[in-house]
Amino acid sequence: MLIKMTRRGTVTLPKDVRKGLDEEALFDVVRRGDGVIELRPRITIDASQAWFWTERWQKMEREADEAIARGDYKTFDTGEEFLAELEEIHRRKVEGGS
C-alpha cells in the first residue's frame, strides 16, 4: 500500500487501515533508527476511570487476583454479615489485636 504525504505533512490513512479505530484516535509517532516511521494507536483512558490504571491500583488488583487464586478470600450470604466482619476487623485493629 502506497500513501502520499501532502506538502503540509498530512497523511490520510485508508479506510481499511482505520477500521476498528475511534474516529478521533490519537497516535504516537515513532521514527525508528532504521528510518521506518510507525504510527501506534494510543489507548486513551476516560478521566473518570484513570484511578483504576494507576500503578498503585494495578498492584492491588494483582494482589487480589493472587489471593483469589490461593483461595484466600471469604464469602458472605448477606450484606449484614459482610459489614459485621468489617466491624470485627476494625474492632480488633483498634484494640491492638490482629
PDB file of N, CA and C in Angstrom:
ATOM      1  N   MET A   1       0.849  -1.169   0.000  1.00  0.00           N
ATOM      2  CA  MET A   1       0.000   0.000   0.000  1.00  0.00           C
ATOM      3  C   MET A   1       0.897   1.236   0.000  1.00  0.00           C
ATOM      4  N   LEU A   2       0.605   2.157  -0.875  1.00  0.00           N
ATOM      5  CA  LEU A   2       1.370   3.391  -1.002  1.00  0.00           C
ATOM      6  C   LEU A   2       0.478   4.552  -0.593  1.00  0.00           C
ATOM      7  N   ILE A   3       0.986   5.392   0.316  1.00  0.00           N
ATOM      8  CA  ILE A   3       0.233   6.550   0.788  1.00  0.00           C
ATOM      9  C   ILE A   3       1.083   7.788   0.559  1.00  0.00           C
ATOM     10  N   LYS A   4       0.448   8.837   0.032  1.00  0.00           N
ATOM     11  CA  LYS A   4       1.161  10.071  -0.262  1.00  0.00           C
ATOM     12  C   LYS A   4       1.001  11.071   0.878  1.00  0.00           C
ATOM     13  N   MET A   5       2.103  11.743   1.215  1.00  0.00           N
ATOM     14  CA  MET A   5       2.076  12.801   2.197  1.00  0.00           C
ATOM     15  C   MET A   5       1.958  14.127   1.447  1.00  0.00           C
ATOM     16  N   THR A   6       1.105  15.029   1.932  1.00  0.00           N
ATOM     17  CA  THR A   6       0.956  16.334   1.294  1.00  0.00           C
ATOM     18  C   THR A   6       2.127  17.241   1.671  1.00  0.00           C
ATOM     19  N   ARG A   7       2.198  18.391   1.015  1.00  0.00           N
ATOM     20  CA  ARG A   7       3.259  19.366   1.319  1.00  0.00           C
ATOM     21  C   ARG A   7       3.222  19.817   2.767  1.00  0.00           C
ATOM     22  N   ARG A   8       2.028  19.825   3.332  1.00  0.00           N
ATOM     23  CA  ARG A   8       1.877  20.240   4.744  1.00  0.00           C
ATOM     24  C   ARG A   8       2.137  19.088   5.707  1.00  0.00           C
ATOM     25  N   GLY A   9       2.467  17.923   5.198  1.00  0.00           N
ATOM     26  CA  GLY A   9       2.773  16.783   6.054  1.00  0.00           C
ATOM     27  C   GLY A   9       1.578  15.933   6.437  1.00  0.00           C
ATOM     28  N   THR A  10       0.448  16.201   5.798  1.00  0.00           N
ATOM     29  CA  THR A  10      -0.762  15.446   6.109  1.00  0.00           C
ATOM     30  C   THR A  10      -0.753  14.092   5.398  1.00  0.00           C
ATOM     31  N   VAL A  11      -1.124  13.065   6.151  1.00  0.00           N
ATOM     32  CA  VAL A  11      -1.238  11.721   5.598  1.00  0.00           C
ATOM     33  C   VAL A  11      -2.649  11.231   5.898  1.00  0.00           C
ATOM     34  N   THR A  12      -3.331  10.699   4.899  1.00  0.00           N
ATOM     35  CA  THR A  12      -4.659  10.142   5.099  1.00  0.00           C
ATOM     36  C   THR A  12      -4.559   8.626   5.117  1.00  0.00           C
ATOM     37  N   LEU A  13      -5.015   8.042   6.215  1.00  0.00           N
ATOM     38  CA  LEU A  13      -4.997   6.589   6.319  1.00  0.00           C
ATOM     39  C   LEU A  13      -6.200   6.017   5.571  1.00  0.00           C
ATOM     40  N   PRO A  14      -5.969   5.010   4.733  1.00  0.00           N
ATOM     41  CA  PRO A  14      -7.083   4.394   4.021  1.00  0.00           C
ATOM     42  C   PRO A  14      -8.115   3.810   4.977  1.00  0.00           C
ATOM     43  N   LYS A  15      -9.338   3.691   4.503  1.00  0.00           N
ATOM     44  CA  LYS A  15     -10.455   3.236   5.316  1.00  0.00           C
ATOM     45  C   LYS A  15     -10.173   1.881   5.969  1.00  0.00           C
ATOM     46  N   ASP A  16      -9.601   0.950   5.238  1.00  0.00           N
ATOM     47  CA  ASP A  16      -9.360  -0.374   5.817  1.00  0.00           C
ATOM     48  C   ASP A  16      -8.297  -0.339   6.911  1.00  0.00           C
ATOM     49  N   VAL A  17      -7.394   0.638   6.872  1.00  0.00           N
ATOM     50  CA  VAL A  17      -6.393   0.801   7.928  1.00  0.00           C
ATOM     51  C   VAL A  17      -7.046   1.392   9.172  1.00  0.00           C
ATOM     52  N   ARG A  18      -8.021   2.289   8.966  1.00  0.00           N
ATOM     53  CA  ARG A  18      -8.716   2.945  10.082  1.00  0.00           C
ATOM     54  C   ARG A  18      -9.765   2.052  10.734  1.00  0.00           C
ATOM     55  N   LYS A  19     -10.103   0.949  10.101  1.00  0.00           N
ATOM     56  CA  LYS A  19     -11.166   0.075  10.607  1.00  0.00           C
ATOM     57  C   LYS A  19     -10.873  -0.338  12.058  1.00  0.00           C
ATOM     58  N   GLY A  20     -11.866  -0.163  12.916  1.00  0.00           N
ATOM     59  CA  GLY A  20     -11.742  -0.534  14.322  1.00  0.00           C
ATOM     60  C   GLY A  20     -11.161   0.546  15.210  1.00  0.00           C
ATOM     61  N   LEU A  21     -10.749   1.657  14.614  1.00  0.00           N
ATOM     62  CA  LEU A  21     -10.196   2.759  15.408  1.00  0.00           C
ATOM     63  C   LEU A  21     -11.267   3.813  15.651  1.00  0.00           C
ATOM     64  N   ASP A  22     -11.146   4.510  16.756  1.00  0.00           N
ATOM     65  CA  ASP A  22     -12.028   5.629  17.052  1.00  0.00           C
ATOM     66  C   ASP A  22     -11.823   6.702  15.983  1.00  0.00           C
ATOM     67  N   GLU A  23     -12.870   7.393  15.618  1.00  0.00           N
ATOM     68  CA  GLU A  23     -12.775   8.432  14.579  1.00  0.00           C
ATOM     69  C   GLU A  23     -11.739   9.495  14.919  1.00  0.00           C
ATOM     70  N   GLU A  24     -11.536   9.744  16.196  1.00  0.00           N
ATOM     71  CA  GLU A  24     -10.577  10.759  16.613  1.00  0.00           C
ATOM     72  C   GLU A  24      -9.429  10.118  17.382  1.00  0.00           C
ATOM     73  N   ALA A  25      -8.976   8.967  16.892  1.00  0.00           N
ATOM     74  CA  ALA A  25      -7.898   8.235  17.557  1.00  0.00           C
ATOM     75  C   ALA A  25      -6.630   9.069  17.615  1.00  0.00           C
ATOM     76  N   LEU A  26      -5.868   8.868  18.670  1.00  0.00           N
ATOM     77  CA  LEU A  26      -4.562   9.509  18.817  1.00  0.00           C
ATOM     78  C   LEU A  26      -3.486   8.482  18.504  1.00  0.00           C
ATOM     79  N   PHE A  27      -2.379   8.938  17.960  1.00  0.00           N
ATOM     80  CA  PHE A  27      -1.284   8.054  17.612  1.00  0.00           C
ATOM     81  C   PHE A  27       0.023   8.592  18.160  1.00  0.00           C
ATOM     82  N   ASP A  28       0.861   7.693  18.629  1.00  0.00           N
ATOM     83  CA  ASP A  28       2.238   8.037  18.923  1.00  0.00           C
ATOM     84  C   ASP A  28       3.000   7.791  17.631  1.00  0.00           C
ATOM     85  N   VAL A  29       3.821   8.750  17.234  1.00  0.00           N
ATOM     86  CA  VAL A  29       4.625   8.607  16.023  1.00  0.00           C
ATOM     87  C   VAL A  29       6.053   8.292  16.460  1.00  0.00           C
ATOM     88  N   VAL A  30       6.569   7.199  15.941  1.00  0.00           N
ATOM     89  CA  VAL A  30       7.905   6.757  16.318  1.00  0.00           C
ATOM     90  C   VAL A  30       8.750   6.633  15.056  1.00  0.00           C
ATOM     91  N   ARG A  31       9.876   7.310  15.052  1.00  0.00           N
ATOM     92  CA  ARG A  31      10.813   7.167  13.934  1.00  0.00           C
ATOM     93  C   ARG A  31      11.943   6.290  14.426  1.00  0.00           C
ATOM     94  N   ARG A  32      11.971   5.087  13.897  1.00  0.00           N
ATOM     95  CA  ARG A  32      12.980   4.113  14.320  1.00  0.00           C
ATOM     96  C   ARG A  32      14.340   4.426  13.721  1.00  0.00           C
ATOM     97  N   GLY A  33      15.355   3.821  14.293  1.00  0.00           N
ATOM     98  CA  GLY A  33      16.726   4.018  13.830  1.00  0.00           C
ATOM     99  C   GLY A  33      16.944   3.590  12.389  1.00  0.00           C
ATOM    100  N   ASP A  34      16.125   2.649  11.909  1.00  0.00           N
ATOM    101  CA  ASP A  34      16.281   2.179  10.533  1.00  0.00           C
ATOM    102  C   ASP A  34      15.498   3.035   9.536  1.00  0.00           C
ATOM    103  N   GLY A  35      14.925   4.175  10.025  1.00  0.00           N
ATOM    104  CA  GLY A  35      14.215   5.083   9.137  1.00  0.00           C
ATOM    105  C   GLY A  35      12.724   4.826   9.021  1.00  0.00           C
ATOM    106  N   VAL A  36      12.254   3.706   9.538  1.00  0.00           N
ATOM    107  CA  VAL A  36      10.829   3.381   9.474  1.00  0.00           C
ATOM    108  C   VAL A  36      10.059   4.289  10.423  1.00  0.00           C
ATOM    109  N   ILE A  37       8.928   4.789   9.948  1.00  0.00           N
ATOM    110  CA  ILE A  37       8.052   5.615  10.774  1.00  0.00           C
ATOM    111  C   ILE A  37       6.849   4.761  11.150  1.00  0.00           C
ATOM    112  N   GLU A  38       6.601   4.652  12.449  1.00  0.00           N
ATOM    113  CA  GLU A  38       5.481   3.853  12.939  1.00  0.00           C
ATOM    114  C   GLU A  38       4.424   4.751  13.558  1.00  0.00           C
ATOM    115  N   LEU A  39       3.178   4.429  13.292  1.00  0.00           N
ATOM    116  CA  LEU A  39       2.057   5.075  13.966  1.00  0.00           C
ATOM    117  C   LEU A  39       1.488   4.036  14.922  1.00  0.00           C
ATOM    118  N   ARG A  40       1.507   4.344  16.190  1.00  0.00           N
ATOM    119  CA  ARG A  40       0.999   3.416  17.195  1.00  0.00           C
ATOM    120  C   ARG A  40      -0.229   4.032  17.847  1.00  0.00           C
ATOM    121  N   PRO A  41      -1.389   3.383  17.684  1.00  0.00           N
ATOM    122  CA  PRO A  41      -2.593   3.938  18.317  1.00  0.00           C
ATOM    123  C   PRO A  41      -2.398   4.053  19.819  1.00  0.00           C
ATOM    124  N   ARG A  42      -2.755   5.200  20.361  1.00  0.00           N
ATOM    125  CA  ARG A  42      -2.660   5.419  21.806  1.00  0.00           C
ATOM    126  C   ARG A  42      -4.037   5.151  22.398  1.00  0.00           C
ATOM    127  N   ILE A  43      -4.050   4.279  23.364  1.00  0.00           N
ATOM    128  CA  ILE A  43      -5.301   3.980  24.041  1.00  0.00           C
ATOM    129  C   ILE A  43      -5.526   5.067  25.070  1.00  0.00           C
ATOM    130  N   THR A  44      -6.610   5.775  24.916  1.00  0.00           N
ATOM    131  CA  THR A  44      -6.909   6.853  25.860  1.00  0.00           C
ATOM    132  C   THR A  44      -7.840   6.317  26.935  1.00  0.00           C
ATOM    133  N   ILE A  45      -7.694   6.823  28.114  1.00  0.00           N
ATOM    134  CA  ILE A  45      -8.484   6.378  29.253  1.00  0.00           C
ATOM    135  C   ILE A  45      -9.406   7.510  29.673  1.00  0.00           C
ATOM    136  N   ASP A  46     -10.670   7.164  29.826  1.00  0.00           N
ATOM    137  CA  ASP A  46     -11.646   8.127  30.307  1.00  0.00           C
ATOM    138  C   ASP A  46     -11.161   8.662  31.657  1.00  0.00           C
ATOM    139  N   ALA A  47     -11.180   9.972  31.819  1.00  0.00           N
ATOM    140  CA  ALA A  47     -10.659  10.595  33.040  1.00  0.00           C
ATOM    141  C   ALA A  47     -11.323  10.048  34.298  1.00  0.00           C
ATOM    142  N   SER A  48     -12.610   9.680  34.203  1.00  0.00           N
ATOM    143  CA  SER A  48     -13.307   9.163  35.386  1.00  0.00           C
ATOM    144  C   SER A  48     -12.852   7.756  35.754  1.00  0.00           C
ATOM    145  N   GLN A  49     -12.107   7.104  34.861  1.00  0.00           N
ATOM    146  CA  GLN A  49     -11.621   5.749  35.113  1.00  0.00           C
ATOM    147  C   GLN A  49     -10.105   5.699  35.313  1.00  0.00           C
ATOM    148  N   ALA A  50      -9.447   6.835  35.288  1.00  0.00           N
ATOM    149  CA  ALA A  50      -7.980   6.874  35.357  1.00  0.00           C
ATOM    150  C   ALA A  50      -7.435   6.269  36.644  1.00  0.00           C
ATOM    151  N   TRP A  51      -8.154   6.408  37.752  1.00  0.00           N
ATOM    152  CA  TRP A  51      -7.706   5.850  39.031  1.00  0.00           C
ATOM    153  C   TRP A  51      -7.420   4.358  38.913  1.00  0.00           C
ATOM    154  N   PHE A  52      -8.235   3.648  38.121  1.00  0.00           N
ATOM    155  CA  PHE A  52      -8.085   2.198  38.002  1.00  0.00           C
ATOM    156  C   PHE A  52      -6.750   1.818  37.380  1.00  0.00           C
ATOM    157  N   TRP A  53      -6.201   2.678  36.545  1.00  0.00           N
ATOM    158  CA  TRP A  53      -4.982   2.356  35.811  1.00  0.00           C
ATOM    159  C   TRP A  53      -3.721   2.878  36.477  1.00  0.00           C
ATOM    160  N   THR A  54      -3.861   3.455  37.684  1.00  0.00           N
ATOM    161  CA  THR A  54      -2.663   3.894  38.394  1.00  0.00           C
ATOM    162  C   THR A  54      -1.854   2.672  38.824  1.00  0.00           C
ATOM    163  N   GLU A  55      -0.549   2.847  38.985  1.00  0.00           N
ATOM    164  CA  GLU A  55       0.311   1.723  39.381  1.00  0.00           C
ATOM    165  C   GLU A  55      -0.143   1.142  40.716  1.00  0.00           C
ATOM    166  N   ARG A  56      -0.506   2.014  41.656  1.00  0.00           N
ATOM    167  CA  ARG A  56      -0.962   1.561  42.981  1.00  0.00           C
ATOM    168  C   ARG A  56      -2.182   0.655  42.845  1.00  0.00           C
ATOM    169  N   TRP A  57      -3.165   1.091  42.069  1.00  0.00           N
ATOM    170  CA  TRP A  57      -4.391   0.305  41.955  1.00  0.00           C
ATOM    171  C   TRP A  57      -4.134  -1.011  41.200  1.00  0.00           C
ATOM    172  N   GLN A  58      -3.311  -0.959  40.179  1.00  0.00           N
ATOM    173  CA  GLN A  58      -2.996  -2.177  39.435  1.00  0.00           C
ATOM    174  C   GLN A  58      -2.261  -3.183  40.316  1.00  0.00           C
ATOM    175  N   LYS A  59      -1.409  -2.679  41.233  1.00  0.00           N
ATOM    176  CA  LYS A  59      -0.731  -3.556  42.189  1.00  0.00           C
ATOM    177  C   LYS A  59      -1.759  -4.239  43.080  1.00  0.00           C
ATOM    178  N   MET A  60      -2.732  -3.479  43.557  1.00  0.00           N
ATOM    179  CA  MET A  60      -3.769  -4.058  44.405  1.00  0.00           C
ATOM    180  C   MET A  60      -4.618  -5.070  43.623  1.00  0.00           C
ATOM    181  N   GLU A  61      -4.876  -4.805  42.358  1.00  0.00           N
ATOM    182  CA  GLU A  61      -5.618  -5.754  41.520  1.00  0.00           C
ATOM    183  C   GLU A  61      -4.848  -7.071  41.397  1.00  0.00           C
ATOM    184  N   ARG A  62      -3.523  -6.974  41.173  1.00  0.00           N
ATOM    185  CA  ARG A  62      -2.702  -8.187  41.078  1.00  0.00           C
ATOM    186  C   ARG A  62      -2.716  -8.961  42.391  1.00  0.00           C
ATOM    187  N   GLU A  63      -2.618  -8.241  43.498  1.00  0.00           N
ATOM    188  CA  GLU A  63      -2.654  -8.887  44.812  1.00  0.00           C
ATOM    189  C   GLU A  63      -3.994  -9.593  45.030  1.00  0.00           C
ATOM    190  N   ALA A  64      -5.072  -8.956  44.639  1.00  0.00           N
ATOM    191  CA  ALA A  64      -6.399  -9.563  44.787  1.00  0.00           C
ATOM    192  C   ALA A  64      -6.514 -10.816  43.916  1.00  0.00           C
ATOM    193  N   ASP A  65      -6.027 -10.745  42.686  1.00  0.00           N
ATOM    194  CA  ASP A  65      -6.059 -11.920  41.803  1.00  0.00           C
ATOM    195  C   ASP A  65      -5.271 -13.076  42.403  1.00  0.00           C
ATOM    196  N   GLU A  66      -4.115 -12.768  42.989  1.00  0.00           N
ATOM    197  CA  GLU A  66      -3.285 -13.802  43.616  1.00  0.00           C
ATOM    198  C   GLU A  66      -3.995 -14.406  44.826  1.00  0.00           C
ATOM    199  N   ALA A  67      -4.631 -13.577  45.635  1.00  0.00           N
ATOM    200  CA  ALA A  67      -5.355 -14.068  46.812  1.00  0.00           C
ATOM    201  C   ALA A  67      -6.505 -14.982  46.384  1.00  0.00           C
ATOM    202  N   ILE A  68      -7.220 -14.588  45.352  1.00  0.00           N
ATOM    203  CA  ILE A  68      -8.325 -15.418  44.849  1.00  0.00           C
ATOM    204  C   ILE A  68      -7.795 -16.748  44.341  1.00  0.00           C
ATOM    205  N   ALA A  69      -6.678 -16.715  43.612  1.00  0.00           N
ATOM    206  CA  ALA A  69      -6.086 -17.948  43.084  1.00  0.00           C
ATOM    207  C   ALA A  69      -5.667 -18.890  44.218  1.00  0.00           C
ATOM    208  N   ARG A  70      -5.220 -18.320  45.363  1.00  0.00           N
ATOM    209  CA  ARG A  70      -4.827 -19.124  46.524  1.00  0.00           C
ATOM    210  C   ARG A  70      -6.029 -19.608  47.323  1.00  0.00           C
ATOM    211  N   GLY A  71      -7.198 -19.064  47.021  1.00  0.00           N
ATOM    212  CA  GLY A  71      -8.383 -19.393  47.810  1.00  0.00           C
ATOM    213  C   GLY A  71      -8.454 -18.600  49.096  1.00  0.00           C
ATOM    214  N   ASP A  72      -7.686 -17.515  49.165  1.00  0.00           N
ATOM    215  CA  ASP A  72      -7.603 -16.682  50.353  1.00  0.00           C
ATOM    216  C   ASP A  72      -8.640 -15.562  50.293  1.00  0.00           C
ATOM    217  N   TYR A  73      -9.888 -15.944  50.467  1.00  0.00           N
ATOM    218  CA  TYR A  73     -10.974 -14.971  50.468  1.00  0.00           C
ATOM    219  C   TYR A  73     -12.143 -15.555  51.245  1.00  0.00           C
ATOM    220  N   LYS A  74     -13.099 -14.729  51.547  1.00  0.00           N
ATOM    221  CA  LYS A  74     -14.253 -15.134  52.327  1.00  0.00           C
ATOM    222  C   LYS A  74     -15.509 -14.653  51.604  1.00  0.00           C
ATOM    223  N   THR A  75     -16.548 -15.442  51.636  1.00  0.00           N
ATOM    224  CA  THR A  75     -17.813 -15.023  51.037  1.00  0.00           C
ATOM    225  C   THR A  75     -18.854 -14.845  52.143  1.00  0.00           C
ATOM    226  N   PHE A  76     -19.853 -14.054  51.853  1.00  0.00           N
ATOM    227  CA  PHE A  76     -20.906 -13.756  52.824  1.00  0.00           C
ATOM    228  C   PHE A  76     -22.258 -13.926  52.144  1.00  0.00           C
ATOM    229  N   ASP A  77     -23.220 -14.394  52.921  1.00  0.00           N
ATOM    230  CA  ASP A  77     -24.567 -14.591  52.382  1.00  0.00           C
ATOM    231  C   ASP A  77     -25.376 -13.303  52.364  1.00  0.00           C
ATOM    232  N   THR A  78     -25.027 -12.373  53.237  1.00  0.00           N
ATOM    233  CA  THR A  78     -25.776 -11.117  53.298  1.00  0.00           C
ATOM    234  C   THR A  78     -24.823  -9.939  53.470  1.00  0.00           C
ATOM    235  N   GLY A  79     -25.321  -8.786  53.140  1.00  0.00           N
ATOM    236  CA  GLY A  79     -24.551  -7.563  53.354  1.00  0.00           C
ATOM    237  C   GLY A  79     -24.298  -7.318  54.829  1.00  0.00           C
ATOM    238  N   GLU A  80     -25.270  -7.704  55.665  1.00  0.00           N
ATOM    239  CA  GLU A  80     -25.122  -7.516  57.106  1.00  0.00           C
ATOM    240  C   GLU A  80     -23.955  -8.353  57.644  1.00  0.00           C
ATOM    241  N   GLU A  81     -23.820  -9.598  57.161  1.00  0.00           N
ATOM    242  CA  GLU A  81     -22.701 -10.440  57.591  1.00  0.00           C
ATOM    243  C   GLU A  81     -21.365  -9.814  57.182  1.00  0.00           C
ATOM    244  N   PHE A  82     -21.337  -9.284  55.981  1.00  0.00           N
ATOM    245  CA  PHE A  82     -20.117  -8.635  55.487  1.00  0.00           C
ATOM    246  C   PHE A  82     -19.746  -7.437  56.365  1.00  0.00           C
ATOM    247  N   LEU A  83     -20.729  -6.587  56.663  1.00  0.00           N
ATOM    248  CA  LEU A  83     -20.468  -5.403  57.478  1.00  0.00           C
ATOM    249  C   LEU A  83     -20.059  -5.784  58.901  1.00  0.00           C
ATOM    250  N   ALA A  84     -20.667  -6.833  59.445  1.00  0.00           N
ATOM    251  CA  ALA A  84     -20.294  -7.298  60.785  1.00  0.00           C
ATOM    252  C   ALA A  84     -18.834  -7.755  60.796  1.00  0.00           C
ATOM    253  N   GLU A  85     -18.401  -8.435  59.743  1.00  0.00           N
ATOM    254  CA  GLU A  85     -16.997  -8.868  59.645  1.00  0.00           C
ATOM    255  C   GLU A  85     -16.065  -7.659  59.599  1.00  0.00           C
ATOM    256  N   LEU A  86     -16.418  -6.648  58.794  1.00  0.00           N
ATOM    257  CA  LEU A  86     -15.591  -5.437  58.729  1.00  0.00           C
ATOM    258  C   LEU A  86     -15.516  -4.751  60.086  1.00  0.00           C
ATOM    259  N   GLU A  87     -16.639  -4.684  60.790  1.00  0.00           N
ATOM    260  CA  GLU A  87     -16.638  -4.063  62.115  1.00  0.00           C
ATOM    261  C   GLU A  87     -15.758  -4.848  63.085  1.00  0.00           C
ATOM    262  N   GLU A  88     -15.792  -6.173  62.994  1.00  0.00           N
ATOM    263  CA  GLU A  88     -14.959  -7.005  63.864  1.00  0.00           C
ATOM    264  C   GLU A  88     -13.474  -6.788  63.572  1.00  0.00           C
ATOM    265  N   ILE A  89     -13.127  -6.723  62.301  1.00  0.00           N
ATOM    266  CA  ILE A  89     -11.731  -6.464  61.913  1.00  0.00           C
ATOM    267  C   ILE A  89     -11.289  -5.109  62.448  1.00  0.00           C
ATOM    268  N   HIS A  90     -12.147  -4.114  62.289  1.00  0.00           N
ATOM    269  CA  HIS A  90     -11.836  -2.765  62.781  1.00  0.00           C
ATOM    270  C   HIS A  90     -11.679  -2.766  64.301  1.00  0.00           C
ATOM    271  N   ARG A  91     -12.576  -3.454  65.009  1.00  0.00           N
ATOM    272  CA  ARG A  91     -12.516  -3.511  66.462  1.00  0.00           C
ATOM    273  C   ARG A  91     -11.199  -4.120  66.923  1.00  0.00           C
ATOM    274  N   ARG A  92     -10.795  -5.234  66.300  1.00  0.00           N
ATOM    275  CA  ARG A  92      -9.526  -5.892  66.670  1.00  0.00           C
ATOM    276  C   ARG A  92      -8.334  -4.980  66.400  1.00  0.00           C
ATOM    277  N   LYS A  93      -8.403  -4.253  65.292  1.00  0.00           N
ATOM    278  CA  LYS A  93      -7.296  -3.350  64.935  1.00  0.00           C
ATOM    279  C   LYS A  93      -7.184  -2.220  65.965  1.00  0.00           C
ATOM    280  N   VAL A  94      -8.313  -1.653  66.348  1.00  0.00           N
ATOM    281  CA  VAL A  94      -8.330  -0.553  67.313  1.00  0.00           C
ATOM    282  C   VAL A  94      -7.827  -1.035  68.677  1.00  0.00           C
ATOM    283  N   GLU A  95      -8.172  -2.269  69.035  1.00  0.00           N
ATOM    284  CA  GLU A  95      -7.755  -2.819  70.334  1.00  0.00           C
ATOM    285  C   GLU A  95      -6.314  -3.321  70.311  1.00  0.00           C
ATOM    286  N   GLY A  96      -5.680  -3.266  69.131  1.00  0.00           N
ATOM    287  CA  GLY A  96      -4.288  -3.676  69.039  1.00  0.00           C
ATOM    288  C   GLY A  96      -4.093  -5.147  68.746  1.00  0.00           C
ATOM    289  N   GLY A  97      -5.148  -5.858  68.470  1.00  0.00           N
ATOM    290  CA  GLY A  97      -5.042  -7.272  68.132  1.00  0.00           C
ATOM    291  C   GLY A  97      -4.822  -7.439  66.634  1.00  0.00           C
ATOM    292  N   SER A  98      -4.830  -8.701  66.190  1.00  0.00           N
ATOM    293  CA  SER A  98      -4.613  -8.939  64.751  1.00  0.00           C
ATOM    294  C   SER A  98      -5.890  -9.237  64.031  1.00  0.00           C
TER     295      SER A  98
END
